[in-house]
Amino acid sequence: MGILYEASLGAQPTQQFKRGAFGAGRNRSGARPNPGHGGIAPLEEEFMSQKALWRLVAGFRRFREKYFEVENSTYSRLSNGQSPKTLIIGCSDSRVDPAIITSSGPGELFVVRNVANLVPPFETGGGHHGVSAAIEFAVVNLKVENIIVLGHRQCGGIRALVSGLHGESDSFVDRWVAIARPAHFRALAAHPEADMESLCMHCEREAIKISLENLRTFPFVRKAEQERGMQVIGAYFDIESGHLLGLNDATGVFETLDV
């Protein structure tokens, strides 16, 4: 069981980590591989890596104490099913966790995260459509009342698009952020003199609009809007100022929310 077993007993981390669930620090003979010959990182680096993993395990222990080990716990209710009211399509960026930003608890949000919080257009062809499948499940099965596309400042995916970081490469990132290429063109046309930082910011916001447009190419999204009043909303989190902005559908302008 290794480190997971120690954590369950309340043990404290030491430099002599028992490997197992989080890696194999020694080979089958019991000897530590030589870092200079394709082996693992030096002991100090390994120790720092294990400390990061330990924090995750300790965090899970606190989570369990808060949500499971109390009378009428949150998960005693959630074990019967989920009924979130809002789907948030957010970015994979580690700084913009939708649940943390909105102070939401377990079961309150259905969340889809990907590079640059993009929504592909509706299509019925082959391929793996993970984002589309999640949207369908949220709208058709969970019947969410709101869909929020949550973009943010300093988005790495949008910067890759604007800067041409991946050029004409066949990378996954390049193909994915190409969904937002119309946003780049719009930002360039509206702000031809903008520097890189400003251009990225404008493109981040335009990309949210592209995702909202793509959402409405899904028949079940349009149907939910028309028949049961589901809302489709654009939002932008400025991680530099700490402000949250909402898209005014009438003006096409992102306005700071008074919260």
Foldseek 3Di string as FASTA:
>chain_A
DWPLVCVVVVHDDDLPGGDDPPDDQPDPVRHGDDPVPPGDDDSVVVSVVVVVVNVVSNVVVVVCVQAPVDPPGPVVVCVVDAQAQEEEQEEPPPVCDPCVLVVHDPRHYHYHYYQLSAAAADDDDDDDRPVVVSVCCCCPPSVHQEYEREFEAPRPLLLCVLVVVVPPDPDPSVVVSVLLVVLLVVLCVVCVPDDSRVSSVSSSLSRQVSRLVRQVNDVSSVCSCPPPNRYYWYWYAYPVVRWIWTQDPVVRDTDTDDD
